[in-house]
Protein backbone atom coordinates (compact mmCIF):
# COMPACT_ATOMS: atom_id res chain seq x y z
CA MET A 1 0.05 0.29 0.20
CA ARG A 2 1.68 3.38 -1.28
CA LEU A 3 1.77 6.14 1.48
CA VAL A 4 0.32 9.57 0.63
CA GLU A 5 1.48 11.83 3.54
CA VAL A 6 -1.63 14.49 4.99
CA PHE A 7 -0.05 17.93 5.28
CA ASP A 8 -2.87 19.93 7.21
CA THR A 9 -2.79 23.58 6.49
CA THR A 10 -6.00 24.61 8.88
CA LEU A 11 -4.00 26.68 11.05
CA ARG A 12 -2.67 29.14 8.73
CA ASP A 13 -4.95 28.46 5.52
CA GLY A 14 -8.20 27.55 7.68
CA LEU A 15 -7.75 30.83 9.49
CA GLN A 16 -7.90 32.95 6.26
CA VAL A 17 -11.70 31.99 5.48
CA GLU A 18 -13.96 34.96 6.38
CA GLY A 19 -15.54 35.17 9.47
CA VAL A 20 -13.34 32.48 11.15
CA THR A 21 -10.91 33.49 13.71
CA ALA A 22 -9.17 31.05 16.05
CA THR A 23 -7.77 32.36 19.84
CA VAL A 24 -3.90 30.48 20.74
CA ASP A 25 -5.74 28.25 22.91
CA ASP A 26 -8.17 27.51 20.16
CA LYS A 27 -5.17 26.40 17.58
CA ILE A 28 -3.56 24.10 20.61
CA ARG A 29 -6.48 22.83 20.72
CA ILE A 30 -6.69 21.93 16.93
CA ALA A 31 -3.10 20.83 16.82
CA GLN A 32 -4.13 18.30 19.24
CA GLN A 33 -7.07 16.90 17.46
CA LEU A 34 -4.99 16.45 14.12
CA ASP A 35 -2.28 14.87 15.84
CA LEU A 36 -5.16 12.67 17.40
CA LEU A 37 -6.69 12.04 13.62
CA GLY A 38 -2.96 10.98 12.31
CA VAL A 39 -1.78 13.96 10.17
CA GLN A 40 2.10 13.60 9.31
CA TYR A 41 2.42 17.56 8.99
CA ILE A 42 0.50 19.95 10.94
CA GLU A 43 1.00 23.57 9.69
CA GLY A 44 0.89 25.96 13.10
CA GLY A 45 1.40 29.08 11.09
CA TRP A 46 3.80 31.90 10.01
CA PRO A 47 5.96 33.22 13.27
CA GLY A 48 6.79 36.57 13.38
CA ALA A 49 4.01 37.72 11.29
CA ASN A 50 1.48 38.41 13.95
CA PRO A 51 1.84 38.22 18.01
CA LYS A 52 -0.83 35.32 18.16
CA ASP A 53 1.37 33.33 16.03
CA VAL A 54 4.64 34.06 17.61
CA GLU A 55 2.60 32.97 21.20
CA PHE A 56 1.36 29.59 19.70
CA PHE A 57 4.78 28.72 18.50
CA GLU A 58 6.40 29.71 21.84
CA ARG A 59 3.53 27.54 23.67
CA ALA A 60 3.85 24.47 21.48
CA GLN A 61 7.16 24.06 22.31
CA ARG A 62 5.94 23.52 26.48
CA GLU A 63 2.02 22.73 25.64
CA LEU A 64 1.89 20.37 22.20
CA ASP A 65 3.14 16.44 22.98
CA LEU A 66 2.38 15.56 19.23
CA THR A 67 2.49 11.75 19.12
CA THR A 68 1.89 11.25 15.65
CA SER A 69 2.55 14.70 13.61
CA THR A 70 5.22 17.11 12.85
CA LEU A 71 4.26 20.64 13.91
CA VAL A 72 6.03 23.07 10.89
CA ALA A 73 6.19 26.61 10.76
CA PHE A 74 5.48 28.72 7.50
CA GLY A 75 7.54 31.05 5.71
CA SER A 76 9.12 32.67 2.67
CA THR A 77 12.31 32.78 1.12
CA ARG A 78 14.70 35.43 1.34
CA ARG A 79 13.65 38.85 0.20
CA PRO A 80 14.95 39.53 -3.73
CA ARG A 81 19.10 40.82 -3.20
CA GLY A 82 19.35 39.67 0.56
CA LYS A 83 21.10 37.85 2.46
CA SER A 84 19.58 34.66 4.00
CA ASP A 85 21.52 34.57 7.58
CA GLU A 86 20.16 38.13 7.88
CA ASP A 87 16.86 37.78 6.67
CA PRO A 88 13.88 38.25 9.46
CA THR A 89 11.66 35.67 7.98
CA LEU A 90 14.30 32.94 7.89
CA ARG A 91 15.19 33.64 11.37
CA ASN A 92 11.77 33.52 12.65
CA LEU A 93 11.35 29.87 11.27
CA ILE A 94 14.74 29.13 13.17
CA GLU A 95 13.70 30.43 16.53
CA ALA A 96 10.04 28.82 16.12
CA ASN A 97 12.15 25.45 16.93
CA THR A 98 9.89 23.39 14.29
CA SER A 99 12.28 20.28 13.24
CA ALA A 100 10.58 20.93 9.74
CA VAL A 101 9.49 24.39 8.08
CA CYS A 102 7.56 25.17 4.51
CA ILE A 103 8.66 28.31 2.75
CA VAL A 104 7.08 29.37 0.02
CA ALA A 105 8.63 30.06 -3.08
CA LYS A 106 8.63 32.17 -6.80
CA SER A 107 7.95 29.61 -9.32
CA SER A 108 6.08 30.98 -12.08
CA GLU A 109 7.96 33.88 -14.14
CA TYR A 110 5.68 36.12 -14.74
CA GLN A 111 5.47 36.14 -10.41
CA VAL A 112 9.06 36.60 -10.16
CA VAL A 113 9.19 40.00 -12.66
CA GLU A 114 6.23 41.33 -11.81
CA ALA A 115 5.14 40.45 -8.33
CA LEU A 116 8.96 40.26 -7.21
CA GLN A 117 10.37 42.96 -9.44
CA THR A 118 13.28 40.65 -9.61
CA SER A 119 15.08 39.01 -12.44
CA LEU A 120 14.64 34.84 -12.90
CA ASP A 121 18.46 34.21 -11.49
CA GLU A 122 17.98 36.00 -8.96
CA GLY A 123 14.24 34.24 -8.27
CA ALA A 124 15.86 31.04 -8.33
CA ALA A 125 18.92 31.65 -5.99
CA MET A 126 16.41 33.14 -3.70
CA ILE A 127 15.09 29.23 -3.66
CA ALA A 128 18.57 27.71 -3.49
CA ASP A 129 19.96 29.93 -0.49
CA SER A 130 17.18 30.00 1.63
CA VAL A 131 16.82 25.93 1.39
CA LYS A 132 20.59 26.11 2.02
CA PHE A 133 20.69 27.80 4.98
CA LEU A 134 17.27 26.28 6.72
CA THR A 135 18.96 22.52 5.79
CA GLY A 136 22.27 24.21 7.47
CA GLU A 137 20.22 25.35 10.37
CA GLY A 138 19.17 21.01 10.87
CA ARG A 139 15.83 21.61 9.33
CA GLN A 140 13.63 19.38 6.99
CA VAL A 141 12.75 21.97 4.45
CA LEU A 142 9.26 21.42 2.39
CA VAL A 143 9.14 24.02 -0.33
CA ASP A 144 5.92 25.59 -1.48
CA LEU A 145 6.43 26.40 -5.31
CA GLU A 146 3.42 29.01 -6.01
CA HIS A 147 1.81 29.83 -9.06
CA PHE A 148 3.60 26.47 -10.26
CA PHE A 149 0.82 25.40 -12.71
CA ASP A 150 0.38 28.91 -14.35
CA GLY A 151 4.04 29.33 -14.23
CA TYR A 152 4.80 25.68 -15.70
CA ARG A 153 2.21 26.34 -18.97
CA GLU A 154 3.97 30.41 -19.67
CA ASN A 155 7.84 28.93 -18.60
CA PRO A 156 8.10 25.09 -17.75
CA GLU A 157 11.81 25.86 -18.22
CA PHE A 158 12.42 28.31 -15.47
CA SER A 159 9.74 26.58 -13.16
CA LEU A 160 11.35 23.36 -13.25
CA ARG A 161 14.49 25.29 -12.74
CA ALA A 162 12.78 26.55 -9.30
CA ILE A 163 12.36 23.02 -8.82
CA GLU A 164 16.40 21.70 -8.94
CA SER A 165 16.94 24.64 -7.14
CA ALA A 166 15.46 23.44 -4.10
CA VAL A 167 16.01 19.76 -4.53
CA VAL A 168 20.04 20.24 -5.04
CA ASN A 169 19.92 21.96 -1.86
CA GLY A 170 18.11 19.63 0.37
CA ALA A 171 14.83 20.14 0.10
CA THR A 172 12.69 16.87 1.05
CA HIS A 173 9.61 18.08 -0.16
CA LEU A 174 8.38 19.74 -3.80
CA VAL A 175 4.66 20.84 -3.33
CA LEU A 176 3.06 22.01 -6.41
CA CYS A 177 0.85 24.97 -5.72
CA ASP A 178 -2.48 25.85 -7.69
CA THR A 179 -2.38 29.19 -6.04
CA ASN A 180 -4.88 30.50 -8.14
CA GLY A 181 -6.89 27.48 -7.98
CA GLY A 182 -7.65 27.60 -11.94
CA THR A 183 -6.33 24.72 -13.19
CA LEU A 184 -8.10 21.68 -13.73
CA PRO A 185 -8.22 17.79 -12.89
CA HIS A 186 -6.40 16.95 -16.25
CA GLU A 187 -4.21 19.61 -16.38
CA VAL A 188 -3.05 18.56 -12.98
CA GLY A 189 -2.09 15.08 -13.85
CA ARG A 190 0.15 15.78 -16.82
CA ILE A 191 1.97 18.43 -15.15
CA VAL A 192 2.53 16.20 -12.09
CA ALA A 193 3.25 13.34 -14.46
CA ASP A 194 6.49 15.75 -15.73
CA VAL A 195 7.53 17.13 -12.56
CA LYS A 196 7.72 13.45 -11.50
CA SER A 197 9.59 12.14 -14.47
CA HIS A 198 12.23 14.83 -13.85
CA VAL A 199 12.75 14.89 -10.19
CA GLY A 200 12.48 11.18 -9.67
CA ASP A 201 13.02 9.80 -6.06
CA ASP A 202 15.04 12.88 -5.27
CA ALA A 203 12.28 14.43 -3.19
CA VAL A 204 8.53 13.96 -2.54
CA ILE A 205 6.51 15.39 -5.26
CA GLY A 206 3.10 17.12 -3.39
CA ILE A 207 0.17 18.92 -4.25
CA HIS A 208 -1.26 22.08 -2.86
CA CYS A 209 -5.08 23.42 -4.73
CA HIS A 210 -7.43 26.23 -4.32
CA ASP A 211 -11.28 25.14 -5.12
CA ASP A 212 -12.03 28.31 -7.24
CA THR A 213 -13.28 25.78 -9.76
CA GLY A 214 -14.50 23.53 -7.37
CA CYS A 215 -11.98 21.31 -8.36
CA ALA A 216 -9.35 21.16 -5.44
CA VAL A 217 -9.90 17.46 -4.36
CA ALA A 218 -10.28 16.28 -7.77
CA ASN A 219 -7.10 17.91 -8.32
CA SER A 220 -5.47 16.56 -5.29
CA ILE A 221 -6.50 12.88 -6.56
CA ALA A 222 -5.62 13.73 -9.64
CA ALA A 223 -2.03 15.09 -8.73
CA VAL A 224 -1.75 11.48 -6.40
CA GLU A 225 -2.25 9.30 -9.11
CA ALA A 226 0.13 10.85 -11.46
CA GLY A 227 2.70 10.26 -8.54
CA ALA A 228 2.41 13.04 -5.60
CA GLY A 229 2.77 11.61 -2.55
CA HIS A 230 1.90 14.27 -0.24
CA VAL A 231 -0.85 16.07 -0.10
CA GLN A 232 -2.05 19.69 1.69
CA GLY A 233 -5.48 21.04 2.60
CA THR A 234 -7.44 22.18 5.35
CA LEU A 235 -9.62 20.38 7.59
CA ASN A 236 -13.17 20.75 6.40
CA GLY A 237 -12.39 22.83 3.31
CA LEU A 238 -11.74 26.44 4.89
CA GLY A 239 -9.47 28.85 3.08
CA GLU A 240 -9.19 32.02 1.38
CA ARG A 241 -12.17 33.04 -0.77
CA THR A 242 -13.24 29.55 -2.05
CA GLY A 243 -11.54 27.27 0.10
CA ASN A 244 -8.77 24.82 0.03
CA THR A 245 -8.46 20.68 -0.68
CA ASN A 246 -11.25 18.96 1.73
CA LEU A 247 -9.10 17.09 3.85
CA SER A 248 -12.37 15.53 5.25
CA THR A 249 -13.16 14.56 1.35
CA VAL A 250 -9.41 13.69 0.11
CA ILE A 251 -8.42 11.50 2.49
CA PRO A 252 -11.61 8.75 2.46
CA ASN A 253 -11.55 9.28 -1.05
CA LEU A 254 -8.08 8.07 -0.88
CA GLN A 255 -7.61 5.66 1.69
CA LEU A 256 -11.09 4.02 1.44
CA LYS A 257 -11.57 3.98 -2.32
CA MET A 258 -8.00 3.73 -3.90
CA GLY A 259 -6.06 1.95 -1.61
CA TYR A 260 -3.67 4.52 -0.53
CA GLN A 261 -2.24 4.87 3.01
CA CYS A 262 -3.11 8.36 4.55
CA LEU A 263 -3.81 7.93 7.91
CA PRO A 264 -2.11 5.43 10.61
CA GLU A 265 -4.23 2.36 11.35
CA GLY A 266 -7.28 2.42 13.27
CA ARG A 267 -7.29 6.35 12.88
CA ILE A 268 -9.63 7.14 9.33
CA GLN A 269 -12.59 6.08 12.28
CA ARG A 270 -11.65 9.50 14.12
CA LEU A 271 -12.55 11.55 10.94
CA THR A 272 -15.94 12.41 11.54
CA SER A 273 -15.58 13.55 15.26
CA VAL A 274 -12.54 15.32 14.60
CA SER A 275 -13.71 17.48 11.84
CA HIS A 276 -16.95 18.46 13.86
CA HIS A 277 -14.80 19.18 16.67
CA VAL A 278 -12.57 21.50 14.78
CA ALA A 279 -15.66 22.80 13.10
CA GLU A 280 -16.99 23.56 16.51
CA THR A 281 -13.71 25.38 17.71
CA LEU A 282 -13.90 27.85 14.73
CA ASN A 283 -17.47 28.43 15.46
CA ARG A 284 -17.99 27.50 11.97
CA ALA A 285 -20.61 24.64 11.33
CA VAL A 286 -19.84 21.69 8.96
CA ASP A 287 -22.06 21.69 6.02
CA PRO A 288 -24.82 19.09 6.84
CA GLN A 289 -24.21 17.55 3.04
CA ALA A 290 -20.28 17.63 3.44
CA PRO A 291 -18.75 14.05 1.97
CA PHE A 292 -18.31 11.43 4.37
CA VAL A 293 -18.50 13.72 7.43
CA GLY A 294 -22.07 15.60 7.11
CA SER A 295 -24.25 14.88 9.69
CA SER A 296 -26.55 14.12 5.83
CA ALA A 297 -23.67 11.79 4.36
CA PHE A 298 -25.43 8.87 5.38
CA ALA A 299 -29.10 10.07 6.10
CA HIS A 300 -31.89 8.67 4.51
CA LYS A 301 -35.48 9.47 3.54
CA ALA A 302 -38.40 7.11 4.46
CA GLY A 303 -39.19 5.15 1.65
CA LEU A 304 -38.21 3.37 -1.19
CA HIS A 305 -34.03 3.61 0.13
CA VAL A 306 -35.08 3.63 3.48
CA SER A 307 -36.81 -0.14 3.09
CA ALA A 308 -33.69 -1.08 0.91
CA ILE A 309 -31.35 -0.38 3.52
CA VAL A 310 -33.21 -1.90 5.89
CA ARG A 311 -32.18 -5.23 4.01
CA ALA A 312 -29.07 -4.49 2.61
CA LYS A 313 -26.69 -1.88 4.31
CA ASP A 314 -24.80 -0.78 1.03
CA ALA A 315 -28.03 -0.49 -1.03
CA TYR A 316 -27.84 3.45 -0.76
CA GLU A 317 -24.34 4.24 0.95
CA HIS A 318 -20.99 4.01 -1.16
CA VAL A 319 -19.09 3.03 2.40
CA ASP A 320 -19.69 2.00 5.59
CA PRO A 321 -20.33 5.08 7.48
CA GLU A 322 -18.19 3.69 10.67
CA ALA A 323 -15.62 3.34 8.30
CA VAL A 324 -15.21 7.41 9.18
CA GLY A 325 -16.66 7.72 12.25
CA ASN A 326 -20.47 8.62 10.64
CA GLY A 327 -23.31 6.55 10.98
CA THR A 328 -26.65 5.91 8.95
CA ARG A 329 -29.38 8.19 10.15
CA PHE A 330 -33.14 8.08 8.71
CA VAL A 331 -34.90 11.11 8.57
CA VAL A 332 -37.96 10.07 9.42
CA SER A 333 -36.91 7.66 12.21
CA GLU A 334 -33.46 9.11 13.42
CA MET A 335 -31.13 6.31 14.13
CA ALA A 336 -28.14 6.53 16.38
CA GLY A 337 -25.09 4.08 15.87
CA ARG A 338 -25.28 1.41 18.19
CA ALA A 339 -21.72 0.97 17.96
CA THR A 340 -20.61 4.41 18.18
CA ILE A 341 -22.36 4.76 21.30
CA GLN A 342 -20.68 1.18 22.70
CA ILE A 343 -17.30 2.47 21.49
CA LYS A 344 -17.61 5.64 23.18
CA ALA A 345 -19.40 4.04 26.61
CA ASP A 346 -16.11 1.68 26.25
CA GLU A 347 -13.64 4.46 25.87
CA ILE A 348 -14.93 5.93 28.71
CA GLY A 349 -15.32 3.27 30.88
CA ILE A 350 -19.22 2.71 31.58
CA ALA A 351 -20.89 -0.41 31.03
CA LEU A 352 -24.59 0.28 28.82
CA ASP A 353 -26.40 -3.02 28.37
CA GLY A 354 -28.91 -2.61 25.25
CA ALA A 355 -31.81 -0.69 26.80
CA GLU A 356 -29.27 1.61 28.08
CA ILE A 357 -27.56 2.32 24.70
CA ASN A 358 -30.95 2.55 23.32
CA GLU A 359 -31.90 5.32 26.40
CA VAL A 360 -28.98 6.74 25.32
CA ILE A 361 -29.61 7.13 21.85
CA ASP A 362 -33.43 8.31 22.15
CA GLU A 363 -31.72 11.05 24.54
CA LEU A 364 -29.30 11.93 22.17
CA LYS A 365 -32.12 12.37 19.47
CA ARG A 366 -34.60 14.50 21.99
CA LEU A 367 -31.19 16.90 22.72
CA GLU A 368 -30.13 17.02 19.30
CA HIS A 369 -33.65 17.74 17.95
CA GLU A 370 -33.09 20.82 20.34
CA GLY A 371 -29.77 22.02 18.85
CA TYR A 372 -27.11 20.16 20.69
CA GLN A 373 -24.22 18.90 18.96
CA PHE A 374 -22.16 16.60 20.96
CA GLU A 375 -18.98 16.32 18.90
CA ALA A 376 -17.04 19.11 20.51
CA ALA A 377 -18.89 18.35 23.83
CA ASP A 378 -17.44 15.44 25.29
CA ALA A 379 -17.76 15.66 29.16
CA SER A 380 -21.56 16.99 28.32
CA LEU A 381 -22.04 13.21 25.96
CA GLU A 382 -20.13 11.86 28.66
CA LEU A 383 -22.32 13.34 32.03
CA LEU A 384 -25.23 12.14 29.75
CA MET A 385 -24.47 8.47 29.62
CA ARG A 386 -23.57 8.22 33.60
CA ARG A 387 -26.71 9.70 34.28
CA VAL A 388 -28.65 6.92 32.29
CA VAL A 389 -27.08 4.18 34.41
CA GLY A 390 -26.87 6.59 37.90
CA GLY A 391 -22.97 7.26 37.62
CA VAL A 392 -23.39 10.68 38.43
CA PRO A 393 -23.71 12.19 41.85
CA ASP A 394 -25.40 15.60 43.03
CA PHE A 395 -22.74 17.47 44.16
CA PHE A 396 -25.02 20.76 44.83
CA ARG A 397 -28.46 21.49 43.74
CA VAL A 398 -29.26 25.71 42.77
CA GLU A 399 -32.78 26.38 44.27
CA SER A 400 -32.85 29.69 42.05
CA MET A 401 -30.16 32.31 40.44
CA ARG A 402 -31.22 35.83 39.84
CA VAL A 403 -29.08 38.34 37.82
CA ILE A 404 -29.25 42.17 37.39
CA THR A 405 -27.52 44.37 34.91
CA ASP A 406 -27.59 48.01 36.19
CA GLU A 407 -26.10 51.04 33.46
CA LEU A 408 -24.69 53.56 35.58
CA PRO A 409 -24.96 57.25 35.13
CA ASP A 410 -21.27 57.34 34.07
CA GLY A 411 -22.49 54.83 30.78
CA ALA A 412 -20.84 51.99 32.78
CA PHE A 413 -22.20 48.75 33.44
CA THR A 414 -22.32 46.59 36.33
CA THR A 415 -23.49 43.04 36.58
CA GLU A 416 -24.60 41.40 40.07
CA ALA A 417 -26.11 37.34 40.44
CA THR A 418 -27.79 36.13 43.13
CA VAL A 419 -27.03 31.84 43.65
CA LYS A 420 -29.00 30.05 46.02
CA ALA A 421 -27.85 26.43 46.39
CA TRP A 422 -28.10 23.19 48.47
CA VAL A 423 -24.51 21.74 49.17
CA GLY A 424 -23.61 19.15 51.60
CA PRO A 425 -20.70 16.42 52.48
CA ASN A 426 -22.82 13.75 51.13
CA GLY A 427 -25.06 15.76 48.88
CA PRO A 428 -27.88 18.47 48.79
CA ASP A 429 -30.78 15.97 49.78
CA ASP A 430 -28.63 14.95 52.75
CA GLU A 431 -29.46 15.82 56.67
CA GLY A 432 -26.29 17.86 56.71
CA ALA A 433 -26.83 19.75 53.55
CA GLU A 434 -26.89 23.77 53.97
CA ARG A 435 -28.84 26.47 52.30
CA GLN A 436 -26.23 28.98 50.74
CA ILE A 437 -27.25 32.09 49.44
CA TRP A 438 -24.33 34.34 47.91
CA VAL A 439 -24.08 37.68 45.73
CA ALA A 440 -21.00 38.02 43.15
CA GLU A 441 -20.44 40.85 40.52
CA GLY A 442 -18.97 39.83 37.35
CA ASN A 443 -17.84 41.52 34.01
CA GLY A 444 -20.89 40.12 32.89
CA PRO A 445 -23.69 37.48 33.92
CA VAL A 446 -22.56 34.52 33.29
CA ASN A 447 -18.86 35.50 35.15
CA ALA A 448 -21.51 36.77 37.82
CA ILE A 449 -22.98 33.67 37.81
CA ASP A 450 -20.18 31.51 37.86
CA THR A 451 -18.51 33.47 41.12
CA ALA A 452 -21.58 33.17 42.82
CA LEU A 453 -22.38 29.20 42.82
CA ARG A 454 -17.95 28.58 42.87
CA LYS A 455 -19.11 30.70 46.53
CA ALA A 456 -21.64 28.77 47.51
CA ILE A 457 -20.43 25.58 47.17
CA GLY A 458 -16.61 25.87 47.31
CA GLN A 459 -16.52 25.62 51.01
CA THR A 460 -18.00 22.30 50.51
CA LEU A 461 -16.42 21.23 47.74
CA PRO A 462 -13.44 22.65 47.79
CA HIS A 463 -11.83 21.13 44.29
CA VAL A 464 -13.92 23.25 42.45
CA ALA A 465 -11.12 26.11 43.05
CA ASP A 466 -9.14 23.89 40.95
CA ILE A 467 -11.50 24.62 38.06
CA HIS A 468 -11.23 27.09 35.60
CA LEU A 469 -13.03 28.03 32.76
CA THR A 470 -10.87 29.31 29.65
CA ASP A 471 -13.18 29.31 26.71
CA TYR A 472 -16.62 30.21 25.95
CA LYS A 473 -18.13 30.54 22.52
CA VAL A 474 -22.06 31.41 21.49
CA ARG A 475 -23.51 30.40 18.21
CA ILE A 476 -27.53 31.69 17.29
CA LEU A 477 -28.77 28.48 15.73
CA ASP A 478 -31.94 30.32 13.91
CA GLY A 479 -30.97 33.45 12.76
CA GLY A 480 -34.10 33.97 11.13
CA SER A 481 -35.80 34.63 14.98
CA ALA A 482 -33.47 37.49 15.37
CA THR A 483 -33.12 38.38 19.12
CA GLY A 484 -35.28 35.26 19.89
CA ALA A 485 -33.34 32.86 18.17
CA THR A 486 -31.82 29.42 19.99
CA THR A 487 -28.57 30.14 21.12
CA ARG A 488 -25.99 27.12 21.64
CA VAL A 489 -22.94 27.64 24.19
CA LEU A 490 -19.93 25.93 24.33
CA LEU A 491 -17.81 26.28 27.43
CA SER A 492 -14.48 24.96 27.67
CA ALA A 493 -12.44 24.23 31.13
CA THR A 494 -9.53 22.84 33.07
CA ASP A 495 -8.38 21.59 36.32
CA GLY A 496 -4.68 21.51 35.05
CA ARG A 497 -4.78 17.84 34.25
CA ARG A 498 -7.43 17.37 32.14
CA ASP A 499 -9.37 20.25 29.44
CA TRP A 500 -12.83 19.25 28.38
CA THR A 501 -16.17 21.41 26.82
CA THR A 502 -19.62 21.41 27.63
CA ILE A 503 -22.58 22.38 25.97
CA GLY A 504 -26.11 24.10 26.50
CA VAL A 505 -28.72 24.66 24.36
CA SER A 506 -31.72 27.42 24.44
CA PRO A 507 -33.45 30.16 23.28
CA ASN A 508 -32.30 32.31 26.51
CA ILE A 509 -28.71 32.98 26.50
CA ILE A 510 -28.37 32.67 30.02
CA GLU A 511 -30.17 29.35 30.42
CA ALA A 512 -27.94 27.76 27.89
CA SER A 513 -24.58 29.25 30.00
CA TRP A 514 -26.18 27.61 32.88
CA ARG A 515 -26.29 24.35 31.51
CA ALA A 516 -23.01 24.70 29.83
CA LEU A 517 -21.31 25.76 33.11
CA GLU A 518 -23.24 23.58 35.48
CA ASP A 519 -22.20 20.73 33.68
CA SER A 520 -18.39 21.79 33.52
CA LEU A 521 -18.65 22.03 37.08
CA VAL A 522 -20.21 18.63 37.59
CA TYR A 523 -17.47 16.81 35.09
CA GLY A 524 -14.86 18.71 36.98
CA LEU A 525 -16.11 17.33 40.47
CA LEU A 526 -16.59 14.03 39.44
CA HIS A 527 -13.00 13.51 37.91
CA GLN A 528 -11.48 15.14 41.07
CA ASP A 529 -9.53 12.37 41.82
CA GLY A 530 -9.10 11.54 38.16
C-alpha cells in the first residue's frame, strides 16, 4: 500500500476564510485534534507575522505533546537581493524551533518578474540560498512552489529550474501549488507526471490546491495518481476565497476508495468527530451535506431507500459510514449508531446494556433536535451516558439564581448575580446539607453566576477552585428569529490535569450558559481524583 502524506494547513490557510478566527488556545486544541487524527504534518502558522503566531509557537514547545504529527513553521524565501543569514523571516523560522519548516517560493516567471520585481536568476537564487540556509540549521525543508501550474504552462523551463534550486540544496518536498485555483484535473495530472519524471525519487512531490473551480479534491487525487506522495489541505476545506482542498473528503477517497494509506491504522474512524470538533472550535459548522463527515452524508428519507437499506446496508451507501466515524440516519425515524455509542462508552469505562444504549440514543435524538451537538462537547456526552446508569452524584442543587445588570450614570455597566444552592458533605439532599445564598459581581452575567455559585459550594466542595474556565463560545442556531433565536453555548475548562468542553442550548442565552457551566463544574468534580 503506497503512503500518501497528509499536510494540514488549517491553522494558517483555514484561518484566512472570512468570519473565522481562532485564539492561541483554539490553535493548540486544533493541533491536538489533528494529531489524534494522525496527519503527518501540522502547519502551525507564520512565526513573526503576528503576535498570535509568535505566542503559538512559544506555547507549542511547552504544551503540545504530539505523538503522530510533526509541527511545521511556515514562511517564505529570503527577500530579493538579501542575505539568508540576515533575513528576518528565515530567522523567525529557526526561532520557532520546529524540526520542519515550509517556505513559499515563486516558481512562475510572471510572479518573479512582476510581483517580486527581480530577475529569474535572482528568483532561483532566492530558493537555493533559503533552502541551503535552513537545511544548514538542521531543519527539514518543504518548499511550496507558488503559482506552479500557471508558471509551468507559461515557462516550464523556469518552473523546473525553481524545482532544481530546491532539490540540489536539500529540500525533501516539492509542493506544487495551484495558487489561483484555476487548473483542472487533466492539466494537474499531466504536469505532475512531467515533474515526477524530471525529479524521480530525489524529493517527494506534493500538491496544494485551491477550490476556485470546485476541483481542489479532484485535482489532488489526479496529482496522487500521477505520482504525488504528499497532499496539503485543510480540514473541512476552509480557506481563502472558495477554500482549499478538503482533507475530510480527499483522505477517505484516497484511503477507502483507492487503497492509499493516508492515516495510521485505525485513525480514519476518527475523521467525523475530529472534523466536527475543529468546526465547533472555529465556530464554523460543518456543512450537513459534506461528503463522509456531514450529518446528512448517510441520511435516508422514508420510502424506497429506507426499505432497501434495512435489508441491505450498502444498498444506498457507497462506504460503511462507521469507517469514517459517521453513522446511518433515517430522516423520519432517526437511528443513532449503537456501535458508536458502545465504543464511546467503552472508551470512558461505562458499562451500558442494550436498554441503556437505547435510552442514550433516545436522549441524544431529543437533545440534538433541540440544537445540541456533542462532537466538540465530550464532557456533556459523558455525563449524559453516566446519568443513564446513575453514575453522576448530586454534588449540589441550585434552588434559584437571579442576574441584575445596571447602567450607571457614567455609562458603565455592572452585573450582579444571586445564587441560592443546597450543598452538603453527602449531597444536597442529605441531613447535613445547608442552603447557601451568595451574591457576586462579574464582568458579565455568566461570570457573575459562576463566581456566586463557586462561593456557594466552594467551602463544601473545595476542588471547584481548581476548575478554571478557559473559553466561551456562542452560536445563534436560527438567525431568522433575530433576538429570539435559539443559542448554543460551548464552554471549555481545565483543572490542570485534563481539559474538557460542555454544551448548553436554549432560546435564553443565560440558561444555555448555565447548562454548559453546570455540566462543566459537575464533570470537574466527578473527575477530581482522576
